[in-house]
Protein backbone atom coordinates (compact mmCIF):
# COMPACT_ATOMS: atom_id res chain seq x y z
CA MET A 1 20.62 70.99 -40.54
CA SER A 2 19.11 70.93 -44.17
CA ASN A 3 16.01 72.47 -44.46
CA ASP A 4 15.38 70.73 -48.43
CA ILE A 5 11.83 69.38 -48.27
CA THR A 6 10.96 66.66 -50.94
CA PHE A 7 7.42 66.39 -51.93
CA THR A 8 5.95 64.18 -54.86
CA GLU A 9 3.47 65.92 -56.98
CA SER A 10 -0.30 64.42 -56.69
CA SER A 11 -1.50 62.67 -59.49
CA GLY A 12 -4.58 64.80 -59.17
CA ASN A 13 -6.43 61.87 -57.29
CA ILE A 14 -5.22 60.93 -53.73
CA PHE A 15 -6.62 57.25 -53.89
CA ALA A 16 -4.46 56.66 -56.96
CA ASP A 17 -1.34 58.55 -55.08
CA LEU A 18 -2.07 55.95 -52.25
CA GLY A 19 -1.99 52.82 -54.30
CA PHE A 20 -5.82 52.23 -54.07
CA ASP A 21 -7.24 49.39 -56.12
CA ASP A 22 -9.96 51.36 -58.23
CA PRO A 23 -8.70 54.78 -57.47
CA GLU A 24 -11.27 56.16 -59.81
CA TYR A 25 -14.41 54.64 -57.86
CA GLU A 26 -13.16 55.72 -54.60
CA LEU A 27 -12.73 59.52 -55.72
CA ASN A 28 -16.28 59.20 -57.08
CA ARG A 29 -17.25 58.01 -54.01
CA ALA A 30 -15.79 60.39 -51.73
CA ASP A 31 -17.12 63.19 -54.34
CA LEU A 32 -20.63 62.32 -54.03
CA ALA A 33 -20.55 61.75 -50.03
CA ILE A 34 -18.94 65.24 -49.56
CA ARG A 35 -21.77 66.69 -51.39
CA ILE A 36 -24.42 64.70 -49.14
CA ALA A 37 -22.50 66.12 -46.39
CA LYS A 38 -22.24 69.66 -48.08
CA LEU A 39 -26.14 69.28 -48.26
CA ILE A 40 -26.92 68.18 -44.95
CA ARG A 41 -24.72 70.91 -43.62
CA GLU A 42 -26.39 73.14 -45.53
CA ARG A 43 -30.05 72.60 -44.71
CA SER A 44 -28.70 72.12 -40.87
CA LEU A 45 -30.06 68.25 -40.62
CA SER A 46 -29.56 66.38 -37.86
CA THR A 47 -28.08 62.79 -38.57
CA LYS A 48 -31.57 61.37 -37.69
CA GLU A 49 -33.60 63.79 -40.35
CA ALA A 50 -31.27 62.97 -42.78
CA ALA A 51 -31.24 59.56 -42.58
CA ARG A 52 -35.31 60.05 -42.91
CA LEU A 53 -35.00 62.05 -45.75
CA MET A 54 -32.54 59.24 -47.21
CA GLU A 55 -34.45 56.54 -46.18
CA ALA A 56 -31.55 55.56 -44.31
CA ASP A 57 -30.03 53.76 -40.63
CA GLU A 58 -28.44 56.86 -38.79
CA ALA A 59 -25.52 54.53 -38.64
CA ASN A 60 -25.38 54.73 -42.34
CA VAL A 61 -25.72 58.84 -42.92
CA SER A 62 -23.41 59.20 -39.73
CA ALA A 63 -20.58 56.65 -41.81
CA ILE A 64 -20.89 58.81 -44.54
CA LEU A 65 -20.15 62.08 -42.70
CA ARG A 66 -17.51 60.85 -41.49
CA GLY A 67 -16.19 59.29 -44.77
CA ARG A 68 -16.66 55.81 -43.86
CA LEU A 69 -17.39 54.67 -46.91
CA SER A 70 -16.22 51.10 -47.79
CA ASN A 71 -19.94 49.92 -47.70
CA VAL A 72 -21.63 52.02 -49.38
CA PRO A 73 -21.47 51.70 -53.00
CA VAL A 74 -21.81 54.85 -55.86
CA ASP A 75 -25.40 53.49 -56.63
CA ARG A 76 -26.60 53.86 -53.39
CA LEU A 77 -24.75 57.85 -52.52
CA MET A 78 -26.67 58.83 -56.15
CA SER A 79 -30.11 57.52 -54.66
CA TYR A 80 -29.34 59.36 -51.53
CA LEU A 81 -28.78 62.38 -53.11
CA ALA A 82 -31.84 62.27 -55.23
CA LEU A 83 -33.98 61.74 -51.57
CA LEU A 84 -32.03 64.39 -50.94
CA GLY A 85 -33.57 66.52 -53.50
CA GLN A 86 -30.50 66.75 -56.21
CA ASP A 87 -30.75 65.86 -59.90
CA VAL A 88 -28.30 62.69 -60.89
CA GLU A 89 -27.35 62.87 -64.66
CA ILE A 90 -25.49 59.58 -65.70
CA VAL A 91 -23.90 61.27 -69.33
CA VAL A 92 -22.47 58.11 -71.38
CA GLN A 93 -19.84 59.25 -74.42
CA PRO A 94 -17.29 58.11 -76.45
CA ALA A 95 -13.62 58.23 -74.66
CA ALA A 96 -11.34 61.09 -75.26
CA THR A 97 -8.94 59.13 -77.33
CA PRO A 98 -10.76 56.49 -79.35
CA LEU A 99 -10.04 52.76 -78.20
CA THR A 100 -9.24 53.33 -75.09
CA THR A 101 -10.75 52.67 -71.62
CA GLY A 102 -13.10 55.35 -70.75
CA ARG A 103 -13.54 56.82 -67.29
CA VAL A 104 -16.18 57.69 -65.13
CA THR A 105 -16.15 61.05 -63.18
CA VAL A 106 -18.78 62.53 -61.02
CA ARG A 107 -18.74 66.63 -61.33
CA THR A 108 -20.54 68.31 -58.88
CA GLY A 109 -22.64 71.80 -59.45
CA GLY A 110 -23.79 74.05 -57.11
């Protein structure tokens, strides 16, 4: 019996590794949802309390907390973060390499 383990190194984006059509978008949604979940957890909010603050249905908040994001666009997640007292900043700047397609990324602080 062989103990050889083979693996493939990640690209840094699990959604790209899994072959999603728009992996950067999916990663951004996941990062925003993780931030929302962290805020809710840090404040010990119930789903009902979080939904009230986020001006959302409890079912939507529950879906976000469970990572079910297929019906939640990035702009709605950003709105939820603002309603939870977070500043959301969008910065537009030239791509790192001139004449290439730019990237959209999410960076969370704190």
